[in-house]
Amino acid sequence: MAERSRWMRAVIGPAIAVLLAMPAMAGTVAITGVRLIDGAGGAPIDDATIVIADGRILAAGRDVDIPADAERLDRRGRTAIPGLIADHSHVGQVGGIGSGAANYTREVIGAELAQFLRYGVTTVTALGNNGPLFGDLRADAHAGRIAGADLFGVAQGIGVPDGAPPQAMLKVGPDQLFRPSTPAEAREAVTRMAAAKTDLVKLWLDDFGGSLAVKMDPAIYTAVIDEAHRRGLRVAAHVHDLADAEAIVAAGADIIAHGVRDKPVTPAFVETLKRRGVWYIATLQLDEASFAWAEAAPWTKTPFIRAGLSSALVAQIDDPAWRAKVLADPKTAAARRSLAMNLRNLKTLHDAGVKIGFGTDSGATPLRVPGVAEHRELALTVEAGLSPAEAIGIATRQAAALIGLDDRGTIQAGKRADLILLDTGPLADIGGVDGVVEVWRAGERFPGAAAR
């Protein structure tokens, strides 16, 4: 608890100081002079204006009418993009360099949502391992009562007895996860999740690199998917291998929650995803985080990234003994191979027209840092062969579509006023997204992680 409090003072404190120095926004606001990347797929618009009132965008573009009573904010030299939307993250699982149910508190989750927001992630989907507190937190986030990202997610989630997700790693509480052993128990778990008004249903179908002795029985996941669909809920599945992805899609899953990382996707699988409209979330940063901190990759040393780390995590990643141990672990070599295959498969699926969402598994372990992971995911998406504009579209417009949110994801009239102001353009170099100087969430202004 002391470590969490120190982290919140160190990371959130400076942001609050900057925020308090900003004038409160009331009435109509016109942000002028920006280069507008609206997320809808069109060309950037120079010298654009964004008019905001009551948490919504009234107008966005060049030569728009500015109401006479609007407060004008000159932001010449800035680039505006939609707020990032995370389709696969977690909250309340990590404290410092540890994990466990003790972290599932309003204080910890509020600090995480604030950090997401500082890094320009305006909406987060917490994809499983949520306790009873989740419903109240989600309602408060929707109402703007938490000074952080908006929150959606999965109530609990469905795992495997003595299997995934590994309890030894996560240490979640008994009220954070269902582990049904029969189809009847699986249906009851979905029923209870539906009663909690879960946004999605999540199941785990991976054996975590062969480290777990059992996988979910097809009878269980078939019952989960059938019951979820009967109740109008979509199902996201945690996978690693192509065979599992093929099996769960054949059973009717709606979202592949991690990239296929063991072998190239086949033309038949690609066609099935397209025909059925299945969403695919690569979570490239999951594997990169397993080794990049230990090898001290250049991006891990930037002030923008370091601003999001707890003191305990900084001490760990700067420890030569820890780095050497990680780099010598055979699992690190496996993570490198998984990332390489994930990059390849993302490019194949994107080029084929499969629906791609945006997620990182941030918040699931200490090395997958909220906000930081999302910026790395954008960089890795470009490394996979997509353009910066395509990567931004996935992280905004497409990510909103995956979770079924038609009120955000683009900067257009009528949409929720969720947007980021950057100090440089990101289309020539995706690294420009790291220049987050200002974040707007439902028309409220917050300091970005790059604010000075």
Protein backbone atom coordinates (compact mmCIF):
# COMPACT_ATOMS: atom_id res chain seq x y z
CA MET A 1 0.00 0.00 0.00
CA ALA A 2 2.85 2.40 0.81
CA GLU A 3 4.42 1.73 -2.62
CA ARG A 4 1.10 2.41 -4.37
CA SER A 5 0.68 5.68 -2.46
CA ARG A 6 4.22 6.79 -3.37
CA TRP A 7 3.55 5.95 -7.04
CA MET A 8 0.32 7.94 -7.06
CA ARG A 9 2.03 10.95 -5.47
CA ALA A 10 4.95 10.76 -7.93
CA VAL A 11 2.95 10.09 -11.08
CA ILE A 12 -0.42 11.73 -10.47
CA GLY A 13 0.80 14.63 -8.31
CA PRO A 14 2.57 16.55 -11.11
CA ALA A 15 -0.42 16.07 -13.38
CA ILE A 16 -2.75 17.53 -10.76
CA ALA A 17 -0.43 20.51 -10.37
CA VAL A 18 -0.60 21.21 -14.10
CA LEU A 19 -4.36 20.66 -14.12
CA LEU A 20 -4.91 23.10 -11.29
CA ALA A 21 -3.01 25.70 -13.27
CA MET A 22 -5.41 25.31 -16.19
CA PRO A 23 -8.59 27.36 -16.21
CA ALA A 24 -11.76 25.38 -15.74
CA MET A 25 -13.73 24.91 -18.94
CA ALA A 26 -17.31 26.10 -18.91
CA GLY A 27 -19.71 26.84 -21.72
CA THR A 28 -18.56 26.65 -25.33
CA VAL A 29 -14.87 26.31 -26.22
CA ALA A 30 -13.21 26.73 -29.62
CA ILE A 31 -9.77 25.13 -30.08
CA THR A 32 -8.25 26.99 -33.02
CA GLY A 33 -5.26 26.68 -35.34
CA VAL A 34 -4.72 22.92 -35.01
CA ARG A 35 -3.82 20.37 -37.64
CA LEU A 36 -6.82 18.05 -37.47
CA ILE A 37 -6.57 14.30 -37.97
CA ASP A 38 -10.21 13.44 -37.39
CA GLY A 39 -9.83 9.64 -37.39
CA ALA A 40 -12.47 9.17 -40.08
CA GLY A 41 -9.88 8.35 -42.70
CA GLY A 42 -9.69 11.63 -44.58
CA ALA A 43 -6.68 13.86 -45.20
CA PRO A 44 -5.42 16.05 -42.34
CA ILE A 45 -6.95 19.54 -42.18
CA ASP A 46 -4.61 22.42 -41.44
CA ASP A 47 -5.59 25.51 -39.45
CA ALA A 48 -8.68 23.73 -38.19
CA THR A 49 -11.07 24.63 -35.38
CA ILE A 50 -12.82 22.28 -32.97
CA VAL A 51 -15.88 23.68 -31.21
CA ILE A 52 -16.95 21.90 -28.00
CA ALA A 53 -20.01 22.37 -25.79
CA ASP A 54 -21.66 20.16 -23.16
CA GLY A 55 -19.07 17.44 -23.66
CA ARG A 56 -19.76 17.11 -27.40
CA ILE A 57 -18.16 18.35 -30.58
CA LEU A 58 -20.33 20.96 -32.28
CA ALA A 59 -18.09 21.38 -35.30
CA ALA A 60 -14.62 20.42 -36.51
CA GLY A 61 -12.77 21.57 -39.62
CA ARG A 62 -11.76 24.72 -41.46
CA ASP A 63 -13.90 27.82 -41.69
CA VAL A 64 -16.39 26.61 -39.08
CA ASP A 65 -18.69 29.04 -37.34
CA ILE A 66 -17.50 29.90 -33.85
CA PRO A 67 -20.26 30.99 -31.45
CA ALA A 68 -19.80 34.54 -30.23
CA ASP A 69 -19.71 33.46 -26.59
CA ALA A 70 -17.12 30.70 -27.12
CA GLU A 71 -13.82 30.79 -25.27
CA ARG A 72 -11.07 30.62 -27.88
CA LEU A 73 -7.97 28.55 -27.21
CA ASP A 74 -5.21 29.19 -29.74
CA ARG A 75 -3.37 25.92 -30.31
CA ARG A 76 -1.34 26.74 -33.39
CA GLY A 77 1.45 24.21 -33.89
CA ARG A 78 -0.54 21.41 -32.26
CA THR A 79 -2.02 18.33 -33.94
CA ALA A 80 -5.40 16.99 -32.80
CA ILE A 81 -6.25 13.30 -32.98
CA PRO A 82 -9.13 11.35 -31.38
CA GLY A 83 -8.61 9.93 -27.92
CA LEU A 84 -7.13 6.43 -27.93
CA ILE A 85 -9.45 3.56 -27.04
CA ALA A 86 -8.08 0.39 -25.40
CA ASP A 87 -10.13 -2.71 -26.23
CA HIS A 88 -8.04 -5.03 -24.05
CA SER A 89 -6.59 -3.80 -20.77
CA HIS A 90 -6.96 -4.64 -17.08
CA VAL A 91 -7.37 -2.59 -13.92
CA GLY A 92 -6.76 -3.24 -10.25
CA GLN A 93 -4.36 -6.14 -10.73
CA VAL A 94 -0.95 -4.50 -10.19
CA GLY A 95 0.75 -2.57 -7.41
CA GLY A 96 4.42 -1.66 -7.85
CA ILE A 97 6.06 -4.87 -9.09
CA GLY A 98 3.47 -7.18 -7.55
CA SER A 99 0.05 -8.47 -8.51
CA GLY A 100 -2.98 -9.61 -6.59
CA ALA A 101 -6.50 -9.02 -5.34
CA ALA A 102 -5.29 -6.48 -2.76
CA ASN A 103 -4.85 -4.03 -5.65
CA TYR A 104 -8.52 -4.12 -6.66
CA THR A 105 -9.44 -0.90 -4.85
CA ARG A 106 -11.00 2.40 -5.86
CA GLU A 107 -7.74 4.20 -5.06
CA VAL A 108 -5.56 2.00 -7.28
CA ILE A 109 -8.01 1.82 -10.17
CA GLY A 110 -8.66 5.56 -10.03
CA ALA A 111 -4.91 6.18 -10.29
CA GLU A 112 -4.66 3.79 -13.24
CA LEU A 113 -7.52 5.47 -15.08
CA ALA A 114 -5.88 8.84 -14.45
CA GLN A 115 -2.63 7.54 -15.91
CA PHE A 116 -4.40 6.13 -18.96
CA LEU A 117 -5.91 9.57 -19.52
CA ARG A 118 -2.58 11.39 -19.17
CA TYR A 119 -1.25 9.21 -21.98
CA GLY A 120 -4.24 10.02 -24.18
CA VAL A 121 -6.24 6.82 -23.61
CA THR A 122 -9.71 8.23 -23.05
CA THR A 123 -11.64 4.92 -22.97
CA VAL A 124 -10.54 1.61 -21.44
CA THR A 125 -12.08 -1.85 -21.65
CA ALA A 126 -10.99 -3.92 -18.63
CA LEU A 127 -11.18 -7.38 -20.17
CA GLY A 128 -11.75 -9.60 -17.16
CA ASN A 129 -10.70 -10.26 -13.54
CA ASN A 130 -13.00 -7.55 -12.21
CA GLY A 131 -14.54 -7.72 -8.75
CA PRO A 132 -17.89 -6.47 -7.39
CA LEU A 133 -16.52 -2.91 -7.21
CA PHE A 134 -16.39 -2.79 -11.00
CA GLY A 135 -20.04 -1.85 -11.49
CA ASP A 136 -19.79 1.25 -9.30
CA LEU A 137 -16.46 2.27 -10.82
CA ARG A 138 -17.85 1.93 -14.34
CA ALA A 139 -20.88 4.04 -13.46
CA ASP A 140 -18.68 6.72 -11.90
CA ALA A 141 -16.38 6.75 -14.93
CA HIS A 142 -19.33 7.06 -17.31
CA ALA A 143 -20.64 9.99 -15.26
CA GLY A 144 -17.26 11.74 -15.19
CA ARG A 145 -16.92 11.33 -11.43
CA ILE A 146 -13.44 9.82 -11.86
CA ALA A 147 -10.70 12.07 -13.23
CA GLY A 148 -9.54 9.43 -15.66
CA ALA A 149 -10.45 7.38 -18.69
CA ASP A 150 -13.99 6.15 -19.25
CA LEU A 151 -14.39 2.50 -18.26
CA PHE A 152 -16.07 -0.51 -19.82
CA GLY A 153 -15.34 -4.19 -19.34
CA VAL A 154 -16.00 -7.75 -18.36
CA ALA A 155 -17.44 -8.67 -14.98
CA GLN A 156 -15.18 -11.49 -13.73
CA GLY A 157 -14.50 -13.66 -16.78
CA ILE A 158 -14.39 -17.43 -17.27
CA GLY A 159 -11.26 -19.47 -16.72
CA VAL A 160 -10.31 -23.10 -16.17
CA PRO A 161 -10.00 -25.03 -12.88
CA ASP A 162 -6.26 -25.51 -12.31
CA GLY A 163 -5.66 -23.81 -15.66
CA ALA A 164 -5.82 -20.43 -17.34
CA PRO A 165 -5.43 -17.77 -16.26
CA PRO A 166 -2.72 -19.01 -13.86
CA GLN A 167 -3.63 -18.13 -10.32
CA ALA A 168 0.01 -18.23 -9.21
CA MET A 169 0.70 -15.29 -11.53
CA LEU A 170 -2.45 -13.19 -11.09
CA LYS A 171 -3.48 -13.95 -7.52
CA VAL A 172 -7.02 -12.71 -8.20
CA GLY A 173 -9.76 -13.03 -5.61
CA PRO A 174 -12.51 -15.67 -5.73
CA ASP A 175 -15.02 -12.95 -6.67
CA GLN A 176 -12.95 -11.85 -9.68
CA LEU A 177 -13.09 -14.98 -11.84
CA PHE A 178 -15.31 -17.97 -12.58
CA ARG A 179 -13.72 -21.39 -13.17
CA PRO A 180 -16.64 -23.66 -14.16
CA SER A 181 -16.08 -27.40 -14.41
CA THR A 182 -19.36 -28.29 -16.16
CA PRO A 183 -21.42 -26.72 -18.96
CA ALA A 184 -24.18 -26.01 -16.44
CA GLU A 185 -21.75 -24.09 -14.24
CA ALA A 186 -20.51 -22.24 -17.32
CA ARG A 187 -24.03 -21.11 -18.19
CA GLU A 188 -24.63 -20.01 -14.61
CA ALA A 189 -21.41 -17.95 -14.72
CA VAL A 190 -22.61 -16.18 -17.85
CA THR A 191 -26.00 -15.61 -16.23
CA ARG A 192 -24.35 -13.94 -13.24
CA MET A 193 -22.16 -11.81 -15.49
CA ALA A 194 -25.20 -10.73 -17.47
CA ALA A 195 -26.96 -9.76 -14.23
CA ALA A 196 -23.96 -7.55 -13.44
CA LYS A 197 -24.50 -5.90 -16.85
CA THR A 198 -21.15 -6.99 -18.21
CA ASP A 199 -20.21 -5.32 -21.49
CA LEU A 200 -18.65 -8.52 -22.86
CA VAL A 201 -17.91 -12.10 -21.82
CA LYS A 202 -14.27 -13.19 -21.65
CA LEU A 203 -12.87 -16.72 -21.59
CA TRP A 204 -9.33 -18.09 -21.45
CA LEU A 205 -8.34 -20.87 -23.88
CA ASP A 206 -4.55 -20.82 -23.63
CA ASP A 207 -2.18 -23.15 -21.77
CA PHE A 208 0.38 -20.34 -21.35
CA GLY A 209 3.19 -21.87 -23.37
CA GLY A 210 2.54 -25.38 -22.13
CA SER A 211 3.01 -24.34 -18.50
CA LEU A 212 -0.56 -25.37 -17.61
CA ALA A 213 -1.67 -28.99 -17.66
CA VAL A 214 -5.22 -28.36 -18.84
CA LYS A 215 -7.13 -26.23 -21.33
CA MET A 216 -10.80 -25.30 -21.36
CA ASP A 217 -12.99 -28.22 -22.43
CA PRO A 218 -14.82 -27.53 -25.72
CA ALA A 219 -18.08 -28.39 -23.93
CA ILE A 220 -17.41 -25.51 -21.54
CA TYR A 221 -16.58 -22.85 -24.09
CA THR A 222 -19.42 -23.97 -26.34
CA ALA A 223 -21.82 -23.49 -23.41
CA VAL A 224 -20.30 -20.09 -22.59
CA ILE A 225 -20.66 -18.83 -26.15
CA ASP A 226 -24.17 -20.20 -26.57
CA GLU A 227 -25.42 -18.71 -23.30
CA ALA A 228 -23.73 -15.37 -23.96
CA HIS A 229 -25.26 -15.09 -27.42
CA ARG A 230 -28.64 -16.11 -26.04
CA ARG A 231 -28.36 -13.10 -23.72
CA GLY A 232 -27.16 -10.73 -26.43
CA LEU A 233 -23.55 -10.67 -25.22
CA ARG A 234 -20.42 -11.04 -27.33
CA VAL A 235 -17.52 -13.29 -26.35
CA ALA A 236 -13.82 -12.44 -26.39
CA ALA A 237 -11.34 -15.34 -26.21
CA HIS A 238 -7.78 -15.36 -24.90
CA VAL A 239 -5.65 -17.47 -27.25
CA HIS A 240 -2.05 -17.89 -28.34
CA ASP A 241 -2.04 -20.71 -30.91
CA LEU A 242 -3.68 -20.88 -34.31
CA ALA A 243 -5.41 -24.18 -33.50
CA ASP A 244 -7.14 -22.64 -30.49
CA ALA A 245 -8.12 -19.56 -32.48
CA GLU A 246 -9.62 -21.74 -35.20
CA ALA A 247 -11.53 -23.82 -32.66
CA ILE A 248 -12.98 -20.91 -30.74
CA VAL A 249 -14.02 -19.06 -33.90
CA ALA A 250 -15.70 -22.22 -35.15
CA ALA A 251 -17.59 -22.31 -31.85
CA GLY A 252 -18.85 -18.76 -32.43
CA ALA A 253 -16.48 -16.41 -30.57
CA ASP A 254 -16.83 -12.77 -31.59
CA ILE A 255 -13.42 -11.37 -30.64
CA ILE A 256 -9.92 -12.88 -30.68
CA ALA A 257 -8.41 -11.09 -27.70
CA HIS A 258 -4.74 -11.81 -28.49
CA GLY A 259 -2.83 -12.30 -31.70
CA VAL A 260 -2.03 -15.73 -33.13
CA ARG A 261 1.62 -16.18 -32.24
CA ASP A 262 2.73 -19.76 -32.95
CA LYS A 263 2.43 -19.98 -36.75
CA PRO A 264 1.19 -18.02 -39.76
CA VAL A 265 -2.56 -17.63 -40.11
CA THR A 266 -3.97 -19.68 -42.97
CA PRO A 267 -6.02 -18.34 -45.88
CA ALA A 268 -8.98 -20.39 -44.66
CA PHE A 269 -8.78 -18.83 -41.18
CA VAL A 270 -8.49 -15.33 -42.64
CA GLU A 271 -11.55 -15.93 -44.79
CA THR A 272 -13.51 -17.24 -41.79
CA LEU A 273 -12.71 -14.13 -39.74
CA LYS A 274 -13.85 -11.91 -42.61
CA ARG A 275 -17.02 -13.87 -43.34
CA ARG A 276 -18.11 -13.96 -39.71
CA GLY A 277 -17.04 -10.41 -38.88
CA VAL A 278 -14.80 -11.57 -36.02
CA TRP A 279 -12.64 -8.87 -34.45
CA TYR A 280 -8.91 -9.43 -33.92
CA ILE A 281 -6.81 -7.70 -31.23
CA ALA A 282 -3.08 -8.35 -31.67
CA THR A 283 -1.73 -7.16 -28.26
CA LEU A 284 1.77 -6.89 -29.72
CA GLN A 285 3.13 -5.12 -26.66
CA LEU A 286 2.38 -8.09 -24.42
CA ASP A 287 5.41 -10.01 -25.72
CA GLU A 288 7.58 -6.95 -26.27
CA ALA A 289 7.19 -6.02 -22.60
CA SER A 290 8.60 -9.42 -21.65
CA PHE A 291 12.07 -8.48 -22.90
CA ALA A 292 12.31 -4.80 -23.94
CA TRP A 293 12.60 -3.46 -20.39
CA ALA A 294 15.34 -6.01 -19.64
CA GLU A 295 17.32 -5.17 -22.77
CA ALA A 296 16.94 -1.44 -21.99
CA ALA A 297 15.48 -0.61 -25.40
CA PRO A 298 15.91 3.11 -26.21
CA TRP A 299 12.21 3.85 -25.79
CA THR A 300 12.32 2.61 -22.18
CA LYS A 301 14.61 5.49 -21.23
CA THR A 302 12.61 8.47 -22.51
CA PRO A 303 11.10 10.92 -20.01
CA PHE A 304 7.66 10.35 -21.54
CA ILE A 305 7.84 6.64 -20.74
CA ARG A 306 9.59 6.97 -17.39
CA ALA A 307 6.88 9.36 -16.17
CA GLY A 308 4.45 6.43 -16.07
CA LEU A 309 6.55 4.05 -13.97
CA SER A 310 6.39 3.40 -10.25
CA SER A 311 9.60 3.78 -8.26
CA ALA A 312 9.63 0.03 -7.63
CA LEU A 313 9.40 -0.73 -11.34
CA VAL A 314 12.18 1.78 -12.13
CA ALA A 315 14.41 0.10 -9.56
CA GLN A 316 13.67 -3.31 -11.07
CA ILE A 317 14.29 -2.46 -14.72
CA ASP A 318 17.46 -0.58 -13.82
CA ASP A 319 18.86 -3.55 -11.89
CA PRO A 320 21.56 -5.31 -13.99
CA ALA A 321 21.01 -8.60 -12.17
CA TRP A 322 17.27 -8.56 -12.94
CA ARG A 323 17.92 -7.71 -16.58
CA ALA A 324 20.46 -10.49 -16.97
CA LYS A 325 18.10 -13.02 -15.41
CA VAL A 326 15.25 -12.07 -17.72
CA LEU A 327 17.36 -12.12 -20.85
CA ALA A 328 18.74 -15.58 -19.98
CA ASP A 329 15.28 -17.04 -19.39
CA PRO A 330 14.15 -19.36 -22.23
CA LYS A 331 10.71 -17.74 -22.04
CA THR A 332 12.30 -14.50 -23.27
CA ALA A 333 13.42 -16.13 -26.50
CA ALA A 334 9.91 -17.54 -26.88
CA ALA A 335 8.44 -14.07 -26.42
CA ARG A 336 10.66 -12.72 -29.20
CA ARG A 337 9.46 -15.45 -31.54
CA SER A 338 5.85 -14.81 -30.56
CA LEU A 339 6.18 -11.10 -31.26
CA ALA A 340 7.74 -11.71 -34.67
CA MET A 341 4.88 -14.03 -35.64
CA ASN A 342 2.29 -11.65 -34.22
CA LEU A 343 3.67 -8.78 -36.31
CA ARG A 344 3.54 -10.93 -39.43
CA ASN A 345 -0.01 -12.13 -38.79
CA LEU A 346 -1.30 -8.64 -38.02
CA LYS A 347 -0.08 -7.40 -41.39
CA THR A 348 -1.65 -10.37 -43.19
CA LEU A 349 -5.01 -9.92 -41.48
CA HIS A 350 -5.08 -6.15 -41.90
CA ASP A 351 -4.26 -6.35 -45.59
CA ALA A 352 -6.98 -8.97 -46.05
CA GLY A 353 -9.63 -6.67 -44.56
CA VAL A 354 -10.18 -8.43 -41.22
CA LYS A 355 -11.59 -6.13 -38.52
CA ILE A 356 -8.71 -5.09 -36.24
CA GLY A 357 -9.15 -3.69 -32.74
CA PHE A 358 -6.64 -2.10 -30.39
CA GLY A 359 -5.37 -3.55 -27.13
CA THR A 360 -2.22 -4.37 -25.19
CA ASP A 361 -3.17 -6.36 -22.05
CA SER A 362 -1.91 -3.32 -20.13
CA GLY A 363 -2.40 -3.53 -16.40
CA ALA A 364 -2.31 -7.34 -16.38
CA THR A 365 1.29 -7.49 -15.10
CA PRO A 366 3.71 -4.84 -13.78
CA LEU A 367 5.66 -4.70 -17.06
CA ARG A 368 2.55 -3.89 -19.12
CA VAL A 369 2.20 -0.30 -18.00
CA PRO A 370 -1.11 1.57 -18.49
CA GLY A 371 -0.80 4.24 -21.15
CA VAL A 372 2.81 3.37 -21.93
CA ALA A 373 1.77 0.04 -23.46
CA GLU A 374 -0.75 1.74 -25.76
CA HIS A 375 1.92 4.04 -27.20
CA ARG A 376 4.20 1.08 -27.79
CA GLU A 377 1.34 -0.78 -29.48
CA LEU A 378 1.01 2.05 -31.98
CA ALA A 379 4.75 1.92 -32.71
CA LEU A 380 4.67 -1.87 -33.11
CA THR A 381 1.63 -1.68 -35.37
CA VAL A 382 3.66 0.53 -37.70
CA GLU A 383 6.60 -1.85 -37.37
CA ALA A 384 4.27 -4.59 -38.59
CA GLY A 385 3.94 -2.68 -41.86
CA LEU A 386 0.89 -0.48 -41.38
CA SER A 387 1.05 3.26 -41.91
CA PRO A 388 0.85 5.68 -38.96
CA ALA A 389 -2.57 6.79 -40.21
CA GLU A 390 -3.78 3.18 -40.29
CA ALA A 391 -2.43 2.55 -36.78
CA ILE A 392 -4.20 5.65 -35.43
CA GLY A 393 -7.43 4.57 -37.13
CA ILE A 394 -7.23 1.18 -35.43
CA ALA A 395 -6.62 2.80 -32.03
CA THR A 396 -9.54 5.21 -32.38
CA ARG A 397 -12.33 4.64 -34.90
CA GLN A 398 -11.97 0.86 -35.14
CA ALA A 399 -11.39 0.39 -31.42
CA ALA A 400 -14.64 2.26 -30.74
CA ALA A 401 -16.49 0.06 -33.22
CA LEU A 402 -15.21 -3.11 -31.57
CA ILE A 403 -16.73 -2.19 -28.22
CA GLY A 404 -19.88 -0.90 -29.92
CA LEU A 405 -19.41 2.79 -29.13
CA ASP A 406 -20.67 4.99 -31.93
CA ASP A 407 -20.35 8.20 -29.89
CA ARG A 408 -16.54 8.40 -29.99
CA GLY A 409 -13.45 7.41 -31.98
CA THR A 410 -13.49 10.35 -34.41
CA ILE A 411 -13.40 14.14 -34.12
CA GLN A 412 -16.67 14.97 -35.83
CA ALA A 413 -19.79 16.96 -35.08
CA GLY A 414 -22.06 15.12 -32.65
CA LYS A 415 -19.34 12.92 -31.22
CA ARG A 416 -18.17 12.94 -27.63
CA ALA A 417 -15.32 15.45 -27.17
CA ASP A 418 -12.53 12.95 -26.54
CA LEU A 419 -9.33 14.09 -28.20
CA ILE A 420 -5.58 14.55 -27.81
CA LEU A 421 -3.42 17.55 -28.66
CA LEU A 422 0.11 16.61 -29.72
CA ASP A 423 3.12 18.89 -29.97
CA THR A 424 4.14 17.32 -33.29
CA GLY A 425 2.48 15.46 -36.14
CA PRO A 426 2.37 11.64 -36.02
CA LEU A 427 1.78 10.82 -39.71
CA ALA A 428 5.40 10.99 -40.86
CA ASP A 429 6.66 9.35 -37.65
CA ILE A 430 4.31 7.49 -35.31
CA GLY A 431 6.60 8.59 -32.47
CA GLY A 432 4.76 11.90 -32.69
CA VAL A 433 1.93 10.37 -30.65
CA ASP A 434 4.26 10.52 -27.65
CA GLY A 435 3.94 14.30 -27.62
CA VAL A 436 0.70 14.30 -25.59
CA VAL A 437 0.45 17.81 -24.17
CA GLU A 438 -3.30 18.05 -23.63
CA VAL A 439 -6.16 15.55 -23.35
CA TRP A 440 -9.87 16.28 -23.59
CA ARG A 441 -12.34 13.78 -22.14
CA ALA A 442 -16.02 14.50 -22.72
CA GLY A 443 -15.17 18.17 -23.06
CA GLU A 444 -13.02 18.38 -19.94
CA ARG A 445 -9.38 19.36 -20.30
CA PHE A 446 -6.53 17.44 -18.65
CA PRO A 447 -2.73 17.67 -18.89
CA GLY A 448 -0.96 15.15 -21.05
CA ALA A 449 2.07 13.13 -19.99
CA ALA A 450 4.29 15.36 -22.16
CA ALA A 451 2.93 18.61 -20.69
CA ARG A 452 5.54 20.95 -19.27
